[in-house]
Amino acid sequence: MNIFLGIAQILLGVALIAVMLLQSKGEELGGVFGGAQGIYQTRRGFDRVLFNITIFIAIAFFVLAIVNVIFFSTSR
């Protein structure tokens, strides 16, 4: 069970990084590393879907991290 939780958390972490990098399209390289965006735009279409996927993966990652801590702390 511990191996499964570890692998799942690694996969969610990689997916979270990939989805966050996909969101910075069109902002050039400065947008990836925190560059300022001059105009606020509403999310539409694929951007909104990508944003919702990012939120879901982030929540799943943190819930899995908490579950991982609970299982590892009680198994010792």
N, C-alpha and C. Protein backbone atom coordinates (compact mmCIF):
# COMPACT_ATOMS: atom_id res chain seq x y z
N MET A 1 0.82 -1.20 0.00
CA MET A 1 0.00 0.00 0.00
C MET A 1 0.87 1.26 0.00
N ASN A 2 1.96 1.23 0.78
CA ASN A 2 2.83 2.40 0.84
C ASN A 2 3.50 2.69 -0.49
N ILE A 3 3.85 1.64 -1.22
CA ILE A 3 4.47 1.82 -2.53
C ILE A 3 3.48 2.44 -3.51
N PHE A 4 2.23 1.98 -3.45
CA PHE A 4 1.19 2.53 -4.33
C PHE A 4 0.97 4.01 -4.05
N LEU A 5 0.91 4.39 -2.78
CA LEU A 5 0.70 5.80 -2.43
C LEU A 5 1.87 6.66 -2.88
N GLY A 6 3.08 6.15 -2.73
CA GLY A 6 4.25 6.90 -3.18
C GLY A 6 4.29 7.11 -4.68
N ILE A 7 4.00 6.05 -5.41
CA ILE A 7 3.98 6.15 -6.88
C ILE A 7 2.86 7.07 -7.35
N ALA A 8 1.70 6.97 -6.73
CA ALA A 8 0.57 7.84 -7.10
C ALA A 8 0.90 9.30 -6.82
N GLN A 9 1.57 9.57 -5.72
CA GLN A 9 1.92 10.95 -5.40
C GLN A 9 2.97 11.50 -6.38
N ILE A 10 3.92 10.67 -6.78
CA ILE A 10 4.91 11.11 -7.77
C ILE A 10 4.23 11.41 -9.10
N LEU A 11 3.32 10.54 -9.53
CA LEU A 11 2.61 10.76 -10.80
C LEU A 11 1.75 12.02 -10.75
N LEU A 12 1.08 12.24 -9.63
CA LEU A 12 0.27 13.46 -9.50
C LEU A 12 1.16 14.70 -9.50
N GLY A 13 2.32 14.62 -8.88
CA GLY A 13 3.24 15.75 -8.88
C GLY A 13 3.73 16.09 -10.28
N VAL A 14 4.08 15.07 -11.04
CA VAL A 14 4.53 15.29 -12.43
C VAL A 14 3.39 15.85 -13.27
N ALA A 15 2.19 15.31 -13.08
CA ALA A 15 1.03 15.81 -13.83
C ALA A 15 0.73 17.26 -13.47
N LEU A 16 0.86 17.61 -12.20
CA LEU A 16 0.61 18.98 -11.76
C LEU A 16 1.62 19.95 -12.38
N ILE A 17 2.87 19.55 -12.43
CA ILE A 17 3.89 20.39 -13.06
C ILE A 17 3.60 20.56 -14.55
N ALA A 18 3.24 19.47 -15.21
CA ALA A 18 2.97 19.53 -16.65
C ALA A 18 1.77 20.43 -16.96
N VAL A 19 0.71 20.30 -16.18
CA VAL A 19 -0.49 21.11 -16.43
C VAL A 19 -0.20 22.59 -16.16
N MET A 20 0.59 22.86 -15.13
CA MET A 20 0.91 24.26 -14.84
C MET A 20 1.79 24.87 -15.94
N LEU A 21 2.69 24.08 -16.51
CA LEU A 21 3.50 24.59 -17.61
C LEU A 21 2.68 24.80 -18.87
N LEU A 22 1.66 23.97 -19.08
CA LEU A 22 0.78 24.15 -20.24
C LEU A 22 -0.03 25.43 -20.13
N GLN A 23 -0.33 25.87 -18.92
CA GLN A 23 -1.11 27.08 -18.74
C GLN A 23 -0.34 28.34 -19.10
N SER A 24 0.97 28.28 -19.11
CA SER A 24 1.76 29.47 -19.38
C SER A 24 2.05 29.67 -20.86
N LYS A 25 1.27 29.05 -21.72
CA LYS A 25 1.49 29.21 -23.16
C LYS A 25 1.17 30.65 -23.57
N GLY A 26 1.90 31.14 -24.52
CA GLY A 26 1.67 32.48 -25.03
C GLY A 26 2.26 33.57 -24.16
N GLU A 27 2.94 33.22 -23.09
CA GLU A 27 3.55 34.23 -22.24
C GLU A 27 5.05 34.26 -22.39
N GLU A 28 5.58 33.54 -23.33
CA GLU A 28 7.00 33.39 -23.57
C GLU A 28 7.67 32.78 -22.35
N LEU A 29 8.96 32.79 -22.30
CA LEU A 29 9.70 32.13 -21.24
C LEU A 29 9.57 32.87 -19.91
N GLY A 30 9.38 34.17 -19.94
CA GLY A 30 9.24 34.94 -18.71
C GLY A 30 7.98 34.58 -17.95
N GLY A 31 6.93 34.16 -18.64
CA GLY A 31 5.68 33.78 -17.98
C GLY A 31 5.79 32.50 -17.19
N VAL A 32 6.70 31.62 -17.61
CA VAL A 32 6.89 30.36 -16.90
C VAL A 32 7.51 30.62 -15.53
N PHE A 33 8.39 31.60 -15.45
CA PHE A 33 9.12 31.85 -14.21
C PHE A 33 8.59 33.05 -13.44
N GLY A 34 7.35 33.42 -13.65
CA GLY A 34 6.73 34.45 -12.83
C GLY A 34 6.68 35.82 -13.47
N GLY A 35 6.80 35.92 -14.76
CA GLY A 35 6.72 37.21 -15.42
C GLY A 35 5.32 37.80 -15.29
N ALA A 36 5.22 39.10 -15.24
CA ALA A 36 3.93 39.76 -15.03
C ALA A 36 3.12 39.76 -16.32
N GLN A 37 1.83 39.58 -16.15
CA GLN A 37 0.92 39.63 -17.29
C GLN A 37 0.19 40.96 -17.22
N GLY A 38 0.20 41.71 -18.31
CA GLY A 38 -0.33 43.06 -18.29
C GLY A 38 -1.84 43.15 -18.32
N ILE A 39 -2.52 42.24 -18.96
CA ILE A 39 -3.97 42.34 -19.15
C ILE A 39 -4.65 41.13 -18.52
N TYR A 40 -5.70 41.40 -17.75
CA TYR A 40 -6.47 40.30 -17.18
C TYR A 40 -7.44 39.78 -18.23
N GLN A 41 -7.45 38.46 -18.42
CA GLN A 41 -8.34 37.84 -19.39
C GLN A 41 -9.15 36.76 -18.71
N THR A 42 -10.41 36.63 -19.11
CA THR A 42 -11.21 35.55 -18.57
C THR A 42 -10.84 34.26 -19.27
N ARG A 43 -11.00 33.17 -18.56
CA ARG A 43 -10.66 31.86 -19.13
C ARG A 43 -11.84 31.34 -19.93
N ARG A 44 -11.55 30.91 -21.14
CA ARG A 44 -12.60 30.36 -21.99
C ARG A 44 -12.08 29.11 -22.68
N GLY A 45 -12.99 28.21 -22.97
CA GLY A 45 -12.65 27.02 -23.75
C GLY A 45 -11.64 26.13 -23.06
N PHE A 46 -10.56 25.85 -23.78
CA PHE A 46 -9.53 24.94 -23.29
C PHE A 46 -8.82 25.49 -22.06
N ASP A 47 -8.66 26.82 -21.99
CA ASP A 47 -8.01 27.42 -20.82
C ASP A 47 -8.80 27.15 -19.55
N ARG A 48 -10.10 27.22 -19.63
CA ARG A 48 -10.95 26.96 -18.46
C ARG A 48 -10.88 25.48 -18.06
N VAL A 49 -10.90 24.59 -19.03
CA VAL A 49 -10.79 23.16 -18.75
C VAL A 49 -9.44 22.86 -18.11
N LEU A 50 -8.38 23.43 -18.64
CA LEU A 50 -7.04 23.24 -18.10
C LEU A 50 -6.94 23.78 -16.68
N PHE A 51 -7.56 24.91 -16.42
CA PHE A 51 -7.58 25.50 -15.08
C PHE A 51 -8.31 24.59 -14.10
N ASN A 52 -9.45 24.05 -14.50
CA ASN A 52 -10.20 23.14 -13.63
C ASN A 52 -9.44 21.83 -13.38
N ILE A 53 -8.75 21.33 -14.40
CA ILE A 53 -7.93 20.13 -14.22
C ILE A 53 -6.81 20.40 -13.23
N THR A 54 -6.21 21.58 -13.32
CA THR A 54 -5.14 21.95 -12.40
C THR A 54 -5.63 21.97 -10.96
N ILE A 55 -6.81 22.54 -10.73
CA ILE A 55 -7.37 22.58 -9.39
C ILE A 55 -7.64 21.16 -8.88
N PHE A 56 -8.21 20.31 -9.72
CA PHE A 56 -8.50 18.93 -9.33
C PHE A 56 -7.23 18.17 -8.98
N ILE A 57 -6.19 18.29 -9.81
CA ILE A 57 -4.94 17.58 -9.56
C ILE A 57 -4.27 18.11 -8.29
N ALA A 58 -4.32 19.42 -8.07
CA ALA A 58 -3.71 19.98 -6.86
C ALA A 58 -4.41 19.48 -5.61
N ILE A 59 -5.74 19.45 -5.62
CA ILE A 59 -6.49 18.95 -4.47
C ILE A 59 -6.19 17.47 -4.24
N ALA A 60 -6.16 16.69 -5.32
CA ALA A 60 -5.86 15.26 -5.19
C ALA A 60 -4.45 15.05 -4.66
N PHE A 61 -3.48 15.88 -5.08
CA PHE A 61 -2.11 15.77 -4.62
C PHE A 61 -2.02 16.03 -3.12
N PHE A 62 -2.68 17.08 -2.64
CA PHE A 62 -2.59 17.41 -1.23
C PHE A 62 -3.36 16.42 -0.36
N VAL A 63 -4.48 15.92 -0.85
CA VAL A 63 -5.21 14.89 -0.09
C VAL A 63 -4.37 13.62 -0.01
N LEU A 64 -3.73 13.25 -1.10
CA LEU A 64 -2.89 12.07 -1.09
C LEU A 64 -1.67 12.26 -0.19
N ALA A 65 -1.14 13.47 -0.14
CA ALA A 65 -0.02 13.75 0.74
C ALA A 65 -0.43 13.60 2.20
N ILE A 66 -1.61 14.07 2.55
CA ILE A 66 -2.10 13.93 3.93
C ILE A 66 -2.35 12.47 4.26
N VAL A 67 -2.96 11.73 3.35
CA VAL A 67 -3.20 10.30 3.57
C VAL A 67 -1.87 9.57 3.71
N ASN A 68 -0.89 9.95 2.90
CA ASN A 68 0.43 9.34 2.97
C ASN A 68 1.08 9.58 4.33
N VAL A 69 0.96 10.77 4.86
CA VAL A 69 1.53 11.09 6.17
C VAL A 69 0.81 10.29 7.27
N ILE A 70 -0.48 10.18 7.17
CA ILE A 70 -1.24 9.44 8.19
C ILE A 70 -0.85 7.97 8.18
N PHE A 71 -0.74 7.36 7.00
CA PHE A 71 -0.38 5.95 6.93
C PHE A 71 1.05 5.70 7.38
N PHE A 72 1.97 6.58 7.00
CA PHE A 72 3.36 6.37 7.38
C PHE A 72 3.59 6.63 8.87
N SER A 73 2.85 7.54 9.47
CA SER A 73 3.05 7.84 10.88
C SER A 73 2.44 6.77 11.78
N THR A 74 1.36 6.11 11.33
CA THR A 74 0.73 5.07 12.15
C THR A 74 1.36 3.70 11.95
N SER A 75 2.13 3.52 10.87
CA SER A 75 2.70 2.21 10.60
C SER A 75 3.98 1.96 11.41
N ARG A 76 4.53 2.98 12.04
CA ARG A 76 5.77 2.81 12.83
C ARG A 76 5.50 2.59 14.26
